[in-house]
């Protein structure tokens, strides 16, 4: 059984995301390994899928867009996302 790997680092929470661009809708579909599987409608061109991921997570977690950033994996489907001042419990519940 896998589990979601969200963890606190300083004043932020980091977690792994497996991004699927060009989906039919923006949604979280569960876990893929230790990563949160997120589907976005944007294509993986000119950073559009990354921006869609940031927008979607910001809206889903009710945090400011400026508090969400991709810290690694900008050109990969597997990314590490950081939420500044993030609620670890709320973020872990995304995988439920």
N, C-alpha and C. Protein backbone atom coordinates (compact mmCIF):
# COMPACT_ATOMS: atom_id res chain seq x y z
N UNK A 1 0.84 -1.18 0.00
CA UNK A 1 0.00 0.00 0.00
C UNK A 1 0.88 1.24 0.00
N UNK A 2 0.57 2.19 -0.86
CA UNK A 2 1.36 3.42 -0.92
C UNK A 2 0.71 4.50 -0.07
N UNK A 3 1.49 5.50 0.25
CA UNK A 3 0.97 6.62 1.00
C UNK A 3 1.52 7.91 0.42
N UNK A 4 0.82 8.98 0.66
CA UNK A 4 1.15 10.30 0.14
C UNK A 4 2.31 10.87 0.94
N UNK A 5 3.31 11.43 0.27
CA UNK A 5 4.54 11.86 0.92
C UNK A 5 4.61 13.37 1.21
N UNK A 6 3.52 14.00 1.61
CA UNK A 6 3.56 15.43 1.97
C UNK A 6 4.33 15.59 3.28
N UNK A 7 5.17 16.61 3.34
CA UNK A 7 5.95 16.85 4.55
C UNK A 7 6.21 18.34 4.74
N UNK A 8 6.42 18.72 5.98
CA UNK A 8 6.68 20.12 6.33
C UNK A 8 8.18 20.39 6.22
N UNK A 9 8.52 21.55 5.65
CA UNK A 9 9.90 22.01 5.58
C UNK A 9 9.89 23.51 5.86
N UNK A 10 10.36 23.88 7.03
CA UNK A 10 10.29 25.29 7.43
C UNK A 10 8.85 25.72 7.57
N UNK A 11 8.49 26.82 6.90
CA UNK A 11 7.10 27.33 6.98
C UNK A 11 6.25 26.86 5.81
N UNK A 12 6.72 25.82 5.09
CA UNK A 12 6.00 25.35 3.91
C UNK A 12 5.76 23.84 3.99
N UNK A 13 4.89 23.37 3.09
CA UNK A 13 4.64 21.94 2.94
C UNK A 13 5.02 21.57 1.51
N UNK A 14 5.77 20.49 1.36
CA UNK A 14 6.17 20.00 0.04
C UNK A 14 5.58 18.62 -0.20
N UNK A 15 5.28 18.37 -1.46
CA UNK A 15 4.78 17.06 -1.85
C UNK A 15 5.02 16.83 -3.33
N UNK A 16 4.99 15.56 -3.70
CA UNK A 16 5.22 15.15 -5.07
C UNK A 16 3.89 15.11 -5.82
N UNK A 17 3.93 15.57 -7.07
CA UNK A 17 2.75 15.56 -7.95
C UNK A 17 3.13 14.85 -9.24
N UNK A 18 2.27 13.96 -9.69
CA UNK A 18 2.40 13.35 -11.02
C UNK A 18 1.36 14.05 -11.89
N UNK A 19 1.81 14.87 -12.83
CA UNK A 19 0.92 15.72 -13.63
C UNK A 19 0.58 15.07 -14.96
N UNK A 20 -0.71 15.10 -15.28
CA UNK A 20 -1.16 14.61 -16.58
C UNK A 20 -1.81 15.78 -17.33
N UNK A 21 -1.11 16.35 -18.31
CA UNK A 21 -1.69 17.44 -19.10
C UNK A 21 -2.68 16.93 -20.13
N UNK A 22 -3.38 17.86 -20.76
CA UNK A 22 -4.36 17.58 -21.82
C UNK A 22 -5.46 16.62 -21.37
N UNK A 23 -5.90 16.76 -20.13
CA UNK A 23 -6.99 15.92 -19.62
C UNK A 23 -8.33 16.57 -19.99
N UNK A 24 -9.41 15.85 -19.78
CA UNK A 24 -10.73 16.39 -20.10
C UNK A 24 -11.19 17.41 -19.07
N UNK A 25 -10.66 17.33 -17.84
CA UNK A 25 -10.98 18.33 -16.83
C UNK A 25 -9.88 18.38 -15.78
N UNK A 26 -9.83 19.46 -15.02
CA UNK A 26 -8.86 19.59 -13.93
C UNK A 26 -9.39 18.81 -12.74
N UNK A 27 -8.56 17.88 -12.23
CA UNK A 27 -9.00 17.08 -11.10
C UNK A 27 -7.83 16.34 -10.46
N UNK A 28 -8.05 15.93 -9.21
CA UNK A 28 -7.13 15.06 -8.50
C UNK A 28 -7.72 13.67 -8.58
N UNK A 29 -6.92 12.71 -9.04
CA UNK A 29 -7.45 11.36 -9.24
C UNK A 29 -6.90 10.34 -8.26
N UNK A 30 -6.21 10.79 -7.22
CA UNK A 30 -5.69 9.87 -6.21
C UNK A 30 -4.18 9.87 -6.20
N UNK A 31 -3.62 8.71 -5.94
CA UNK A 31 -2.17 8.58 -5.85
C UNK A 31 -1.62 7.74 -6.98
N UNK A 32 -0.40 8.06 -7.37
CA UNK A 32 0.38 7.21 -8.26
C UNK A 32 1.71 7.03 -7.55
N UNK A 33 1.91 5.88 -6.95
CA UNK A 33 3.08 5.68 -6.09
C UNK A 33 2.94 6.55 -4.86
N UNK A 34 3.93 7.40 -4.60
CA UNK A 34 3.88 8.32 -3.47
C UNK A 34 3.45 9.73 -3.89
N UNK A 35 3.10 9.89 -5.14
CA UNK A 35 2.75 11.21 -5.69
C UNK A 35 1.25 11.39 -5.84
N UNK A 36 0.81 12.63 -5.66
CA UNK A 36 -0.59 12.99 -5.90
C UNK A 36 -0.78 13.09 -7.41
N UNK A 37 -1.74 12.37 -7.96
CA UNK A 37 -1.99 12.39 -9.40
C UNK A 37 -2.97 13.52 -9.70
N UNK A 38 -2.52 14.49 -10.51
CA UNK A 38 -3.34 15.65 -10.86
C UNK A 38 -3.45 15.72 -12.37
N UNK A 39 -4.68 15.89 -12.84
CA UNK A 39 -4.95 16.04 -14.28
C UNK A 39 -5.35 17.49 -14.54
N UNK A 40 -4.78 18.09 -15.60
CA UNK A 40 -5.14 19.45 -15.99
C UNK A 40 -5.45 19.47 -17.48
N UNK A 41 -6.28 20.40 -17.89
CA UNK A 41 -6.69 20.49 -19.29
C UNK A 41 -5.63 21.14 -20.17
N UNK A 42 -4.73 21.91 -19.60
CA UNK A 42 -3.72 22.64 -20.38
C UNK A 42 -2.71 21.68 -21.01
N UNK A 43 -2.20 22.07 -22.18
CA UNK A 43 -1.16 21.26 -22.81
C UNK A 43 0.21 21.53 -22.18
N UNK A 44 1.16 20.60 -22.35
CA UNK A 44 2.49 20.79 -21.79
C UNK A 44 3.37 21.65 -22.70
N UNK A 45 2.89 22.82 -23.05
CA UNK A 45 3.59 23.72 -23.97
C UNK A 45 3.80 25.06 -23.29
N UNK A 46 5.01 25.58 -23.37
CA UNK A 46 5.34 26.91 -22.81
C UNK A 46 4.94 27.06 -21.35
N UNK A 47 5.04 26.00 -20.58
CA UNK A 47 4.73 26.07 -19.16
C UNK A 47 3.26 26.18 -18.82
N UNK A 48 2.39 25.98 -19.81
CA UNK A 48 0.95 26.13 -19.58
C UNK A 48 0.42 25.10 -18.58
N UNK A 49 0.88 23.86 -18.66
CA UNK A 49 0.41 22.83 -17.73
C UNK A 49 0.88 23.14 -16.31
N UNK A 50 2.11 23.64 -16.17
CA UNK A 50 2.61 24.03 -14.85
C UNK A 50 1.77 25.15 -14.26
N UNK A 51 1.44 26.15 -15.06
CA UNK A 51 0.61 27.26 -14.58
C UNK A 51 -0.78 26.76 -14.20
N UNK A 52 -1.32 25.84 -14.99
CA UNK A 52 -2.64 25.27 -14.69
C UNK A 52 -2.59 24.50 -13.36
N UNK A 53 -1.49 23.79 -13.12
CA UNK A 53 -1.32 23.07 -11.86
C UNK A 53 -1.30 24.04 -10.68
N UNK A 54 -0.53 25.11 -10.81
CA UNK A 54 -0.46 26.12 -9.75
C UNK A 54 -1.83 26.74 -9.50
N UNK A 55 -2.53 27.11 -10.57
CA UNK A 55 -3.87 27.68 -10.44
C UNK A 55 -4.82 26.71 -9.75
N UNK A 56 -4.80 25.46 -10.18
CA UNK A 56 -5.71 24.44 -9.64
C UNK A 56 -5.45 24.19 -8.16
N UNK A 57 -4.17 24.02 -7.79
CA UNK A 57 -3.85 23.77 -6.38
C UNK A 57 -4.17 24.99 -5.52
N UNK A 58 -3.92 26.18 -6.03
CA UNK A 58 -4.24 27.40 -5.30
C UNK A 58 -5.74 27.47 -5.00
N UNK A 59 -6.54 27.19 -6.00
CA UNK A 59 -8.00 27.22 -5.85
C UNK A 59 -8.48 26.09 -4.93
N UNK A 60 -7.96 24.89 -5.12
CA UNK A 60 -8.38 23.73 -4.34
C UNK A 60 -8.05 23.89 -2.85
N UNK A 61 -6.88 24.46 -2.57
CA UNK A 61 -6.43 24.60 -1.18
C UNK A 61 -6.78 25.96 -0.57
N UNK A 62 -7.40 26.82 -1.36
CA UNK A 62 -7.78 28.17 -0.91
C UNK A 62 -6.58 28.93 -0.35
N UNK A 63 -5.50 28.94 -1.13
CA UNK A 63 -4.32 29.72 -0.78
C UNK A 63 -4.01 30.67 -1.93
N UNK A 64 -3.24 31.69 -1.64
CA UNK A 64 -2.86 32.64 -2.68
C UNK A 64 -1.98 31.95 -3.72
N UNK A 65 -2.16 32.32 -4.97
CA UNK A 65 -1.40 31.73 -6.06
C UNK A 65 0.10 31.91 -5.83
N UNK A 66 0.50 33.04 -5.25
CA UNK A 66 1.91 33.32 -5.00
C UNK A 66 2.52 32.37 -3.96
N UNK A 67 1.67 31.67 -3.19
CA UNK A 67 2.14 30.75 -2.16
C UNK A 67 2.33 29.32 -2.68
N UNK A 68 2.06 29.11 -3.96
CA UNK A 68 2.21 27.79 -4.58
C UNK A 68 3.34 27.89 -5.60
N UNK A 69 4.32 26.99 -5.48
CA UNK A 69 5.39 27.00 -6.48
C UNK A 69 5.91 25.59 -6.73
N UNK A 70 6.39 25.40 -7.92
CA UNK A 70 7.00 24.13 -8.30
C UNK A 70 8.50 24.27 -8.03
N UNK A 71 9.02 23.45 -7.11
CA UNK A 71 10.43 23.58 -6.72
C UNK A 71 11.35 22.65 -7.51
N UNK A 72 10.81 21.61 -8.12
CA UNK A 72 11.61 20.78 -9.02
C UNK A 72 10.69 20.05 -9.99
N UNK A 73 11.27 19.70 -11.14
CA UNK A 73 10.51 18.95 -12.14
C UNK A 73 9.74 19.82 -13.11
N UNK A 74 10.21 21.03 -13.39
CA UNK A 74 9.48 21.92 -14.30
C UNK A 74 9.21 21.31 -15.66
N UNK A 75 10.12 20.48 -16.16
CA UNK A 75 9.93 19.88 -17.48
C UNK A 75 9.59 18.40 -17.40
N UNK A 76 9.31 17.91 -16.20
CA UNK A 76 8.98 16.50 -16.00
C UNK A 76 7.51 16.36 -15.60
N UNK A 77 6.96 15.19 -15.78
CA UNK A 77 5.59 14.96 -15.30
C UNK A 77 5.55 14.83 -13.78
N UNK A 78 6.66 14.39 -13.18
CA UNK A 78 6.72 14.28 -11.72
C UNK A 78 7.39 15.53 -11.18
N UNK A 79 6.70 16.23 -10.30
CA UNK A 79 7.15 17.51 -9.78
C UNK A 79 7.11 17.52 -8.26
N UNK A 80 7.88 18.40 -7.66
CA UNK A 80 7.76 18.67 -6.23
C UNK A 80 7.16 20.06 -6.11
N UNK A 81 6.03 20.13 -5.41
CA UNK A 81 5.30 21.38 -5.23
C UNK A 81 5.45 21.83 -3.78
N UNK A 82 5.58 23.13 -3.59
CA UNK A 82 5.68 23.70 -2.25
C UNK A 82 4.53 24.69 -2.04
N UNK A 83 3.86 24.54 -0.90
CA UNK A 83 2.78 25.45 -0.52
C UNK A 83 3.26 26.21 0.72
N UNK A 84 3.51 27.50 0.58
CA UNK A 84 3.96 28.30 1.71
C UNK A 84 2.81 28.48 2.70
N UNK A 85 3.12 28.33 3.98
CA UNK A 85 2.12 28.42 5.04
C UNK A 85 1.00 27.39 4.83
N UNK A 86 1.31 26.28 4.19
CA UNK A 86 0.31 25.26 3.89
C UNK A 86 -0.12 24.47 5.13
N UNK A 87 -1.36 24.01 5.10
CA UNK A 87 -1.93 23.18 6.16
C UNK A 87 -1.64 21.72 5.80
N UNK A 88 -0.69 21.08 6.52
CA UNK A 88 -0.28 19.73 6.19
C UNK A 88 -1.45 18.75 6.18
N UNK A 89 -2.33 18.83 7.16
CA UNK A 89 -3.48 17.94 7.23
C UNK A 89 -4.40 18.09 6.03
N UNK A 90 -4.66 19.32 5.64
CA UNK A 90 -5.53 19.60 4.49
C UNK A 90 -4.91 19.06 3.20
N UNK A 91 -3.61 19.23 3.08
CA UNK A 91 -2.91 18.76 1.88
C UNK A 91 -2.90 17.23 1.84
N UNK A 92 -2.68 16.59 2.99
CA UNK A 92 -2.69 15.12 3.02
C UNK A 92 -4.07 14.57 2.66
N UNK A 93 -5.13 15.28 3.01
CA UNK A 93 -6.49 14.82 2.68
C UNK A 93 -6.79 14.87 1.18
N UNK A 94 -5.98 15.58 0.41
CA UNK A 94 -6.18 15.62 -1.05
C UNK A 94 -6.06 14.23 -1.66
N UNK A 95 -5.29 13.37 -1.03
CA UNK A 95 -5.06 12.03 -1.56
C UNK A 95 -6.19 11.05 -1.23
N UNK A 96 -7.13 11.45 -0.37
CA UNK A 96 -8.23 10.56 0.03
C UNK A 96 -9.25 10.39 -1.07
